[in-house]
């Protein structure tokens, strides 16, 4: 079927009667392409394609013609040449245009023309076959009008004869230019391929280096975990011995102590207890990072969980200026998780709040959220934390300088351990704080841990032990 253009501006047409009309068509195609701003190589390709099609049509018999037009298609303006011929001998060009049949020697020029232009169509109507070739017109160039085309046509008509030798020389120059351009393109492709190969080698080297770095980091992490574990185990034995000895002394097992001696032994016991807590935190972090932490699940109510924490935290309050409050709104909510780990997180958060709250209130509350999630909030009226420090406080051995920090003791591991344990339980810790406005640490957990497994046990509690990788 004949294609239709949205806008057509006919330029000129010539009949194809003699062999010299092939050269005239070639010259006209080249000059029209030059007039509409087509590049040198584009003009050469368009003219060569027109020449080959006109030659094929002229061989099929008299009565052929070629018409040039400017057309606005969906993808822009095009310079179109339509070559029409008569006879059934041209119908096989449809198969060549569609790529369905390999051309014979006589049709080699048509096959070449098909490769030279961006638009190549063949269609038939009655006994006519039309071959349409086209080249896009640069958008920045003003198209010529039929008057300009008529002047070009008139100049060609005035020529009594087109010099075949001169035209052959022009074709040779175009061929030489094309070969030179092809060599330049090939040289550029070779250069780009070389650069790409060099880049690929660099990327492969970078990947190898990253793999080496990752392996080094993995080994360093393993060595650190092993070191912390070994040192902590070595420290726990003498620390336990000292704790037991101080307990014997304070219980007056070997006789009474003077007031000063009892005070000194108490200080020793408190110091050892601080070191023991540090050792335990180090061991917990080392186990988690090594992937050897065992979770023990148990069904427990919020009332039971907060009740146990209340008894541990209240003795830490050394001033009546701070009030410790536990809300019981979700007291009957049942948690199916590792309650000892949840309690450990809340103890660390509460211990931190007690250290940095001089007066006011520390409030602990639990809230049931959508998605079977529970949220524990630890709010205090303490000194608060600046925004720039809110992420740093979760790093190992990090402590924010303040007037209270110099009076309280801490290892800088509590919040890091709390966040690590929260992740292990399938939750997270959030922080909202501002200097002199207090802080709110929130522990958000699934009410039932994803690894929960229900078992039948004598006390009707569900519990299991899972090694977390």
Protein backbone atom coordinates (compact mmCIF):
# COMPACT_ATOMS: atom_id res chain seq x y z
CA UNK A 1 0.00 0.00 0.00
CA UNK A 2 1.20 3.48 -0.83
CA UNK A 3 2.29 5.39 2.29
CA UNK A 4 0.78 8.78 2.98
CA UNK A 5 2.51 11.88 4.31
CA UNK A 6 0.90 14.40 6.58
CA UNK A 7 2.28 17.37 4.55
CA UNK A 8 3.79 17.19 1.05
CA UNK A 9 5.62 19.90 -0.94
CA UNK A 10 6.42 18.64 -4.49
CA UNK A 11 9.71 20.03 -5.79
CA UNK A 12 10.37 18.69 -9.29
CA UNK A 13 10.18 15.62 -11.49
CA UNK A 14 12.00 14.22 -14.54
CA UNK A 15 11.23 11.41 -16.96
CA UNK A 16 13.51 8.40 -17.20
CA UNK A 17 13.98 7.75 -20.93
CA UNK A 18 17.71 7.48 -21.58
CA UNK A 19 20.86 6.38 -19.83
CA UNK A 20 21.91 9.98 -19.23
CA UNK A 21 18.74 10.42 -17.14
CA UNK A 22 20.37 8.20 -14.54
CA UNK A 23 23.20 10.71 -14.16
CA UNK A 24 20.77 13.65 -14.25
CA UNK A 25 18.74 12.07 -11.45
CA UNK A 26 21.91 11.55 -9.42
CA UNK A 27 23.04 15.16 -9.91
CA UNK A 28 19.58 16.52 -9.08
CA UNK A 29 19.33 14.38 -5.93
CA UNK A 30 22.74 15.58 -4.75
CA UNK A 31 22.01 19.28 -5.39
CA UNK A 32 18.56 19.14 -3.78
CA UNK A 33 20.04 17.43 -0.72
CA UNK A 34 22.73 20.11 -0.52
CA UNK A 35 20.09 22.84 -0.79
CA UNK A 36 18.18 21.54 2.25
CA UNK A 37 21.33 21.24 4.39
CA UNK A 38 22.04 17.51 4.25
CA UNK A 39 25.63 16.70 5.19
CA UNK A 40 28.25 15.68 2.62
CA UNK A 41 28.09 11.99 3.44
CA UNK A 42 24.29 12.14 3.58
CA UNK A 43 24.17 13.77 0.13
CA UNK A 44 26.49 11.11 -1.31
CA UNK A 45 24.42 8.26 0.14
CA UNK A 46 21.10 9.76 -1.00
CA UNK A 47 22.37 10.48 -4.53
CA UNK A 48 23.91 7.01 -4.86
CA UNK A 49 20.69 5.33 -3.72
CA UNK A 50 18.62 7.39 -6.18
CA UNK A 51 21.05 6.54 -8.98
CA UNK A 52 20.83 2.78 -8.35
CA UNK A 53 17.05 2.80 -8.18
CA UNK A 54 16.72 4.89 -11.37
CA UNK A 55 19.14 2.56 -13.16
CA UNK A 56 17.05 -0.48 -12.15
CA UNK A 57 13.83 1.20 -13.30
CA UNK A 58 15.35 2.34 -16.60
CA UNK A 59 16.31 -1.25 -17.41
CA UNK A 60 12.70 -2.39 -16.93
CA UNK A 61 11.53 -0.31 -19.89
CA UNK A 62 10.48 3.22 -20.94
CA UNK A 63 7.93 5.37 -19.16
CA UNK A 64 9.68 5.67 -15.82
CA UNK A 65 9.83 8.88 -13.84
CA UNK A 66 11.29 10.31 -10.62
CA UNK A 67 9.67 12.91 -8.40
CA UNK A 68 11.31 14.80 -5.54
CA UNK A 69 9.33 16.23 -2.62
CA UNK A 70 9.71 17.57 0.88
CA UNK A 71 7.40 15.77 3.29
CA UNK A 72 6.63 16.19 6.94
CA UNK A 73 6.29 12.75 8.47
CA UNK A 74 5.68 11.80 12.09
CA UNK A 75 9.41 11.86 12.81
CA UNK A 76 10.26 15.16 11.08
CA UNK A 77 10.94 16.59 7.62
CA UNK A 78 12.30 14.33 4.88
CA UNK A 79 13.66 14.75 1.36
CA UNK A 80 11.84 12.07 -0.60
CA UNK A 81 12.59 10.66 -4.08
CA UNK A 82 9.91 8.45 -5.65
CA UNK A 83 11.02 6.41 -8.64
CA UNK A 84 8.16 4.85 -10.61
CA UNK A 85 8.46 2.22 -13.32
CA UNK A 86 6.18 -0.08 -15.31
CA UNK A 87 6.18 -3.79 -15.79
CA UNK A 88 5.94 -6.91 -13.71
CA UNK A 89 9.71 -7.20 -13.71
CA UNK A 90 9.93 -4.70 -10.82
CA UNK A 91 7.58 -6.52 -8.41
CA UNK A 92 10.40 -8.59 -6.97
CA UNK A 93 11.80 -5.36 -5.51
CA UNK A 94 9.16 -5.62 -2.78
CA UNK A 95 10.75 -8.83 -1.52
CA UNK A 96 14.19 -7.21 -1.65
CA UNK A 97 12.95 -4.18 0.33
CA UNK A 98 11.41 -6.43 2.98
CA UNK A 99 14.58 -8.53 3.16
CA UNK A 100 12.62 -11.67 2.26
CA UNK A 101 14.71 -12.57 -0.82
CA UNK A 102 18.44 -12.27 -1.54
CA UNK A 103 19.14 -10.06 -4.58
CA UNK A 104 20.62 -11.51 -7.73
CA UNK A 105 23.53 -9.77 -9.45
CA UNK A 106 21.18 -7.55 -11.45
CA UNK A 107 19.56 -6.33 -8.24
CA UNK A 108 22.76 -5.80 -6.26
CA UNK A 109 22.49 -2.02 -6.74
CA UNK A 110 18.96 -2.01 -5.25
CA UNK A 111 20.17 -3.96 -2.22
CA UNK A 112 23.01 -1.46 -1.76
CA UNK A 113 20.56 1.46 -2.06
CA UNK A 114 18.44 -0.10 0.66
CA UNK A 115 21.42 0.09 3.02
CA UNK A 116 22.40 3.67 2.10
CA UNK A 117 19.25 5.52 3.16
CA UNK A 118 17.18 5.61 6.31
CA UNK A 119 13.86 5.37 4.49
CA UNK A 120 13.30 2.74 1.78
CA UNK A 121 9.82 1.66 0.73
CA UNK A 122 8.50 -0.27 -2.27
CA UNK A 123 4.80 -0.42 -3.14
CA UNK A 124 2.75 -1.35 -6.19
CA UNK A 125 -0.45 -0.02 -7.75
CA UNK A 126 -1.89 -1.74 -10.83
CA UNK A 127 1.07 -2.28 -13.16
CA UNK A 128 3.24 0.41 -11.54
CA UNK A 129 5.98 -0.17 -8.99
CA UNK A 130 7.24 2.78 -6.95
CA UNK A 131 10.45 2.80 -4.94
CA UNK A 132 10.63 5.53 -2.32
CA UNK A 133 13.91 6.56 -0.74
CA UNK A 134 14.28 9.35 1.78
CA UNK A 135 16.78 11.21 3.91
CA UNK A 136 15.91 13.32 6.99
CA UNK A 137 16.25 17.09 6.61
CA UNK A 138 18.08 18.94 9.43
CA UNK A 139 15.59 20.75 11.65
CA UNK A 140 17.75 23.89 11.68
CA UNK A 141 17.66 24.29 7.88
CA UNK A 142 14.85 26.11 6.11
CA UNK A 143 13.44 23.81 3.41
CA UNK A 144 13.67 25.00 -0.19
CA UNK A 145 10.50 25.93 -2.05
CA UNK A 146 9.44 24.71 -5.51
CA UNK A 147 10.94 27.87 -7.09
CA UNK A 148 14.40 26.99 -5.84
CA UNK A 149 13.96 23.44 -7.10
CA UNK A 150 12.83 24.76 -10.49
CA UNK A 151 15.98 26.84 -10.82
CA UNK A 152 18.12 23.80 -10.01
CA UNK A 153 16.14 21.79 -12.56
CA UNK A 154 16.51 24.54 -15.20
CA UNK A 155 20.28 24.67 -14.71
CA UNK A 156 20.51 20.93 -15.23
CA UNK A 157 18.27 21.09 -18.33
CA UNK A 158 20.43 23.78 -19.90
CA UNK A 159 23.37 21.41 -19.84
CA UNK A 160 23.41 19.83 -23.32
CA UNK A 161 25.14 16.83 -21.90
CA UNK A 162 26.40 15.67 -18.53
CA UNK A 163 30.05 14.73 -18.71
CA UNK A 164 30.20 11.08 -17.63
CA UNK A 165 33.92 11.40 -16.93
CA UNK A 166 33.38 14.37 -14.61
CA UNK A 167 30.56 12.55 -12.86
CA UNK A 168 32.73 9.48 -12.54
CA UNK A 169 35.47 11.59 -10.99
CA UNK A 170 32.94 13.04 -8.54
CA UNK A 171 31.82 9.57 -7.59
CA UNK A 172 35.43 8.55 -7.08
CA UNK A 173 35.97 11.55 -4.80
CA UNK A 174 32.85 10.62 -2.85
CA UNK A 175 34.06 7.05 -2.57
CA UNK A 176 37.50 8.20 -1.41
CA UNK A 177 35.87 10.48 1.15
CA UNK A 178 33.66 7.63 2.34
CA UNK A 179 36.64 5.30 2.66
CA UNK A 180 38.58 7.94 4.58
CA UNK A 181 35.62 8.55 6.89
CA UNK A 182 35.25 4.79 7.37
CA UNK A 183 38.94 4.51 8.30
CA UNK A 184 38.58 7.38 10.76
CA UNK A 185 35.53 5.74 12.27
CA UNK A 186 37.31 2.40 12.53
CA UNK A 187 40.32 4.05 14.13
CA UNK A 188 38.03 5.80 16.60
CA UNK A 189 36.25 2.53 17.35
CA UNK A 190 39.60 0.81 17.90
CA UNK A 191 40.66 3.61 20.23
CA UNK A 192 37.39 3.42 22.14
CA UNK A 193 37.72 -0.36 22.36
CA UNK A 194 41.21 0.04 23.77
CA UNK A 195 39.97 2.56 26.30
CA UNK A 196 37.08 0.26 27.19
CA UNK A 197 39.44 -2.66 27.68
CA UNK A 198 41.67 -0.52 29.89
CA UNK A 199 38.61 0.61 31.85
CA UNK A 200 37.44 -2.97 32.21
CA UNK A 201 40.85 -3.99 33.50
CA UNK A 202 40.71 -1.14 35.98
CA UNK A 203 37.21 -2.14 37.10
CA UNK A 204 38.28 -5.76 37.51
CA UNK A 205 41.29 -4.64 39.52
CA UNK A 206 39.02 -2.47 41.65
CA UNK A 207 36.65 -5.37 42.24
CA UNK A 208 39.58 -7.56 43.24
CA UNK A 209 40.80 -4.88 45.64
CA UNK A 210 37.30 -4.49 47.10
CA UNK A 211 37.10 -8.25 47.59
CA UNK A 212 40.45 -8.17 49.35
CA UNK A 213 39.32 -5.27 51.54
CA UNK A 214 36.07 -7.06 52.36
CA UNK A 215 38.00 -10.18 53.31
CA UNK A 216 40.37 -8.10 55.45
CA UNK A 217 37.42 -6.44 57.19
CA UNK A 218 35.82 -9.81 57.79
CA UNK A 219 39.03 -11.16 59.32
CA UNK A 220 39.45 -8.01 61.41
CA UNK A 221 35.87 -8.31 62.68
CA UNK A 222 36.42 -11.97 63.55
CA UNK A 223 39.67 -11.17 65.34
CA UNK A 224 38.01 -8.35 67.26
CA UNK A 225 35.11 -10.56 68.32
CA UNK A 226 37.50 -13.34 69.33
CA UNK A 227 39.67 -10.88 71.26
CA UNK A 228 36.69 -9.42 73.11
CA UNK A 229 35.39 -12.86 73.91
CA UNK A 230 38.74 -14.18 75.13
CA UNK A 231 39.57 -11.12 77.21
CA UNK A 232 36.08 -10.98 78.68
CA UNK A 233 36.19 -14.61 79.71
CA UNK A 234 39.60 -14.10 81.28
CA UNK A 235 38.30 -11.12 83.26
CA UNK A 236 35.10 -12.73 84.49
CA UNK A 237 36.85 -15.28 86.70
CA UNK A 238 38.86 -12.83 88.85
CA UNK A 239 35.92 -10.39 88.89
CA UNK A 240 33.63 -13.09 90.22
CA UNK A 241 36.18 -14.05 92.85
CA UNK A 242 36.53 -10.44 94.01
CA UNK A 243 32.73 -10.06 94.18
CA UNK A 244 32.44 -13.16 96.35
CA UNK A 245 35.25 -12.01 98.64
CA UNK A 246 33.70 -8.57 99.11
CA UNK A 247 30.37 -10.22 99.91
CA UNK A 248 32.05 -12.31 102.60
CA UNK A 249 33.70 -9.22 104.08
CA UNK A 250 30.48 -7.20 104.07
CA UNK A 251 28.62 -10.11 105.68
CA UNK A 252 31.22 -10.02 108.52
CA UNK A 253 31.96 -13.73 108.03
CA UNK A 254 35.50 -13.36 109.41
CA UNK A 255 34.67 -10.73 111.98
CA UNK A 256 33.37 -7.18 112.09
CA UNK A 257 34.81 -4.34 109.97
CA UNK A 258 35.30 -0.78 110.99
CA UNK A 259 33.11 1.84 109.38
CA UNK A 260 35.95 3.01 107.13
CA UNK A 261 36.85 -0.56 106.14
CA UNK A 262 33.24 -1.33 105.24
CA UNK A 263 33.09 1.84 103.15
CA UNK A 264 36.25 0.89 101.29
CA UNK A 265 35.05 -2.66 100.64
CA UNK A 266 31.75 -1.26 99.32
CA UNK A 267 33.68 0.96 96.89
CA UNK A 268 35.69 -2.06 95.76
CA UNK A 269 32.48 -4.05 95.21
CA UNK A 270 30.87 -1.23 93.20
CA UNK A 271 33.95 -0.86 91.01
CA UNK A 272 34.11 -4.59 90.38
CA UNK A 273 30.40 -4.62 89.60
CA UNK A 274 30.94 -1.86 87.01
CA UNK A 275 33.76 -3.81 85.37
CA UNK A 276 31.61 -6.97 85.41
CA UNK A 277 28.79 -5.16 83.62
CA UNK A 278 31.28 -3.93 81.03
CA UNK A 279 32.58 -7.46 80.52
CA UNK A 280 29.05 -8.81 80.13
CA UNK A 281 28.22 -6.14 77.54
CA UNK A 282 31.39 -6.93 75.61
CA UNK A 283 30.54 -10.62 75.65
CA UNK A 284 27.01 -9.95 74.40
CA UNK A 285 28.26 -7.78 71.54
CA UNK A 286 30.93 -10.33 70.62
CA UNK A 287 28.38 -13.17 70.55
CA UNK A 288 25.91 -11.22 68.43
CA UNK A 289 28.54 -10.13 65.90
CA UNK A 290 29.88 -13.68 65.70
CA UNK A 291 26.34 -14.96 65.05
CA UNK A 292 26.23 -17.23 68.09
CA UNK A 293 23.46 -15.59 70.12
CA UNK A 294 20.71 -17.94 71.29
CA UNK A 295 17.21 -16.53 71.70
CA UNK A 296 14.94 -18.17 74.26
CA UNK A 297 11.31 -17.36 73.65
CA UNK A 298 8.70 -17.13 76.37
CA UNK A 299 5.21 -15.74 76.67
CA UNK A 300 5.19 -12.90 79.21
CA UNK A 301 2.82 -10.03 79.97
CA UNK A 302 3.88 -6.39 79.95
CA UNK A 303 3.01 -6.25 83.66
CA UNK A 304 5.47 -9.04 84.48
CA UNK A 305 8.19 -7.52 82.30
CA UNK A 306 7.94 -3.98 83.71
CA UNK A 307 7.49 -5.26 87.27
CA UNK A 308 10.86 -7.01 87.17
CA UNK A 309 12.55 -3.93 85.67
CA UNK A 310 10.99 -1.66 88.28
CA UNK A 311 12.64 -3.61 91.09
CA UNK A 312 16.06 -3.35 89.42
CA UNK A 313 15.95 0.36 88.50
CA UNK A 314 14.47 1.90 91.66
CA UNK A 315 17.63 1.35 93.74
CA UNK A 316 19.59 3.33 91.15
CA UNK A 317 17.65 6.50 91.97
CA UNK A 318 19.80 8.38 94.46
CA UNK A 319 17.73 11.55 94.62
CA UNK A 320 14.13 12.25 95.55
CA UNK A 321 14.10 14.96 92.88
CA UNK A 322 13.49 12.32 90.20
CA UNK A 323 10.23 10.40 90.08
CA UNK A 324 10.11 6.99 88.32
CA UNK A 325 6.69 6.19 86.80
CA UNK A 326 5.51 3.00 85.06
CA UNK A 327 2.26 3.22 83.08
CA UNK A 328 0.08 0.11 83.09
CA UNK A 329 -2.12 0.81 80.04
CA UNK A 330 -0.99 -2.36 78.25
CA UNK A 331 -0.30 -4.40 81.38
CA UNK A 332 -2.19 -7.46 80.13
CA UNK A 333 -0.66 -7.51 76.64
CA UNK A 334 1.25 -10.74 76.07
CA UNK A 335 4.67 -10.70 74.41
CA UNK A 336 5.92 -13.84 72.66
CA UNK A 337 9.63 -13.13 72.38
CA UNK A 338 12.87 -13.36 74.34
CA UNK A 339 11.71 -11.42 77.38
CA UNK A 340 15.18 -11.42 78.99
CA UNK A 341 16.58 -9.55 75.97
CA UNK A 342 13.68 -7.09 76.00
CA UNK A 343 14.29 -6.48 79.69
CA UNK A 344 18.02 -5.99 79.02
CA UNK A 345 17.26 -3.32 76.41
CA UNK A 346 14.84 -1.47 78.70
CA UNK A 347 17.30 -1.68 81.63
CA UNK A 348 20.00 -0.05 79.50
CA UNK A 349 17.64 2.70 78.34
CA UNK A 350 16.41 3.33 81.89
CA UNK A 351 19.91 3.26 83.33
CA UNK A 352 20.93 5.88 80.78
CA UNK A 353 17.90 8.02 81.68
CA UNK A 354 18.69 7.80 85.42
CA UNK A 355 22.29 8.91 84.85
CA UNK A 356 21.37 12.05 82.94
CA UNK A 357 18.20 13.21 84.72
CA UNK A 358 18.87 15.50 87.70
CA UNK A 359 15.25 16.34 88.47
CA UNK A 360 11.80 15.75 87.11
CA UNK A 361 10.42 12.45 85.91
CA UNK A 362 11.32 9.26 84.12
CA UNK A 363 8.24 7.57 82.64
CA UNK A 364 8.03 4.12 81.08
CA UNK A 365 5.00 3.25 78.96
CA UNK A 366 3.89 0.55 76.52
CA UNK A 367 1.53 1.11 73.57
CA UNK A 368 0.01 -1.43 71.20
CA UNK A 369 0.36 -0.37 67.55
CA UNK A 370 -1.18 -1.60 64.33
CA UNK A 371 0.45 -4.58 62.70
CA UNK A 372 0.76 -6.48 66.01
CA UNK A 373 3.60 -4.20 67.14
CA UNK A 374 4.28 -2.93 70.64
CA UNK A 375 6.15 0.27 71.48
CA UNK A 376 7.98 0.90 74.76
CA UNK A 377 8.77 4.57 75.47
CA UNK A 378 11.33 5.71 78.05
CA UNK A 379 10.81 9.46 78.55
CA UNK A 380 12.97 11.59 80.78
CA UNK A 381 13.33 15.27 81.65
CA UNK A 382 17.11 15.12 81.58
CA UNK A 383 19.76 17.18 79.82
CA UNK A 384 18.76 16.00 76.34
CA UNK A 385 20.90 15.24 73.31
CA UNK A 386 21.75 17.53 70.40
CA UNK A 387 20.71 16.43 66.91
CA UNK A 388 24.32 16.11 65.72
CA UNK A 389 25.04 13.62 68.52
CA UNK A 390 21.90 11.47 68.31
CA UNK A 391 23.46 8.92 65.97
CA UNK A 392 26.90 8.97 67.58
CA UNK A 393 25.64 7.82 70.96
CA UNK A 394 24.87 4.40 69.46
CA UNK A 395 28.53 3.86 68.54
CA UNK A 396 30.81 1.73 70.69
CA UNK A 397 32.59 3.52 73.56
CA UNK A 398 31.05 6.87 72.60
CA UNK A 399 30.04 9.29 75.32
CA UNK A 400 28.80 12.86 74.84
CA UNK A 401 30.62 15.42 76.96
CA UNK A 402 28.45 17.16 79.56
CA UNK A 403 28.63 18.30 83.15
CA UNK A 404 26.89 15.07 84.24
CA UNK A 405 29.13 12.83 82.16
CA UNK A 406 32.05 13.75 84.37
CA UNK A 407 30.17 12.56 87.48
CA UNK A 408 28.64 9.33 86.23
CA UNK A 409 30.39 6.17 85.19
CA UNK A 410 29.73 4.35 81.93
CA UNK A 411 31.42 2.27 79.27
CA UNK A 412 29.66 3.69 76.23
CA UNK A 413 28.39 0.22 75.29
CA UNK A 414 24.85 0.27 76.69
CA UNK A 415 23.08 2.03 73.82
CA UNK A 416 25.09 0.17 71.19
CA UNK A 417 24.09 -3.12 72.80
CA UNK A 418 20.46 -2.00 73.10
CA UNK A 419 20.24 -1.18 69.38
CA UNK A 420 21.96 -4.45 68.42
CA UNK A 421 19.58 -6.49 70.58
CA UNK A 422 16.56 -4.62 69.20
CA UNK A 423 17.60 -5.55 65.67
CA UNK A 424 18.09 -9.14 66.79
CA UNK A 425 14.51 -9.18 68.10
CA UNK A 426 13.16 -7.86 64.79
CA UNK A 427 12.66 -4.30 66.01
CA UNK A 428 14.42 -0.96 66.27
CA UNK A 429 15.17 1.93 68.59
CA UNK A 430 14.10 5.49 67.85
CA UNK A 431 15.20 8.67 69.61
CA UNK A 432 13.56 12.07 69.97
CA UNK A 433 15.54 14.60 71.99
CA UNK A 434 16.71 18.18 72.27
CA UNK A 435 19.13 19.88 74.68
CA UNK A 436 17.51 20.80 78.03
CA UNK A 437 14.18 19.27 76.88
CA UNK A 438 14.75 15.66 77.80
CA UNK A 439 14.83 12.53 75.68
CA UNK A 440 12.47 9.80 74.57
CA UNK A 441 13.98 6.45 73.62
CA UNK A 442 11.44 4.15 71.94
CA UNK A 443 11.81 0.39 71.57
CA UNK A 444 9.54 -0.85 68.79
CA UNK A 445 9.12 -4.63 68.54
CA UNK A 446 6.81 -7.18 66.97
CA UNK A 447 4.60 -8.59 69.71
CA UNK A 448 5.46 -12.08 68.45
CA UNK A 449 9.02 -12.65 67.30
CA UNK A 450 9.23 -13.96 63.68
CA UNK A 451 11.15 -16.99 64.96
CA UNK A 452 8.58 -17.89 67.61
CA UNK A 453 7.91 -21.63 67.84
CA UNK A 454 5.17 -22.91 70.13
CA UNK A 455 5.95 -26.02 72.13
CA UNK A 456 4.04 -27.88 74.80
CA UNK A 457 5.84 -27.40 78.11
CA UNK A 458 4.77 -28.21 81.70
CA UNK A 459 4.25 -24.58 82.74
CA UNK A 460 2.14 -23.83 79.63
CA UNK A 461 4.72 -21.41 78.37
CA UNK A 462 5.96 -21.43 74.79
CA UNK A 463 9.72 -21.45 74.56
CA UNK A 464 12.41 -22.57 72.19
CA UNK A 465 16.01 -21.85 71.49
CA UNK A 466 17.17 -20.63 68.11
CA UNK A 467 20.70 -19.77 67.06
CA UNK A 468 20.56 -16.50 65.16
CA UNK A 469 23.06 -16.32 62.26
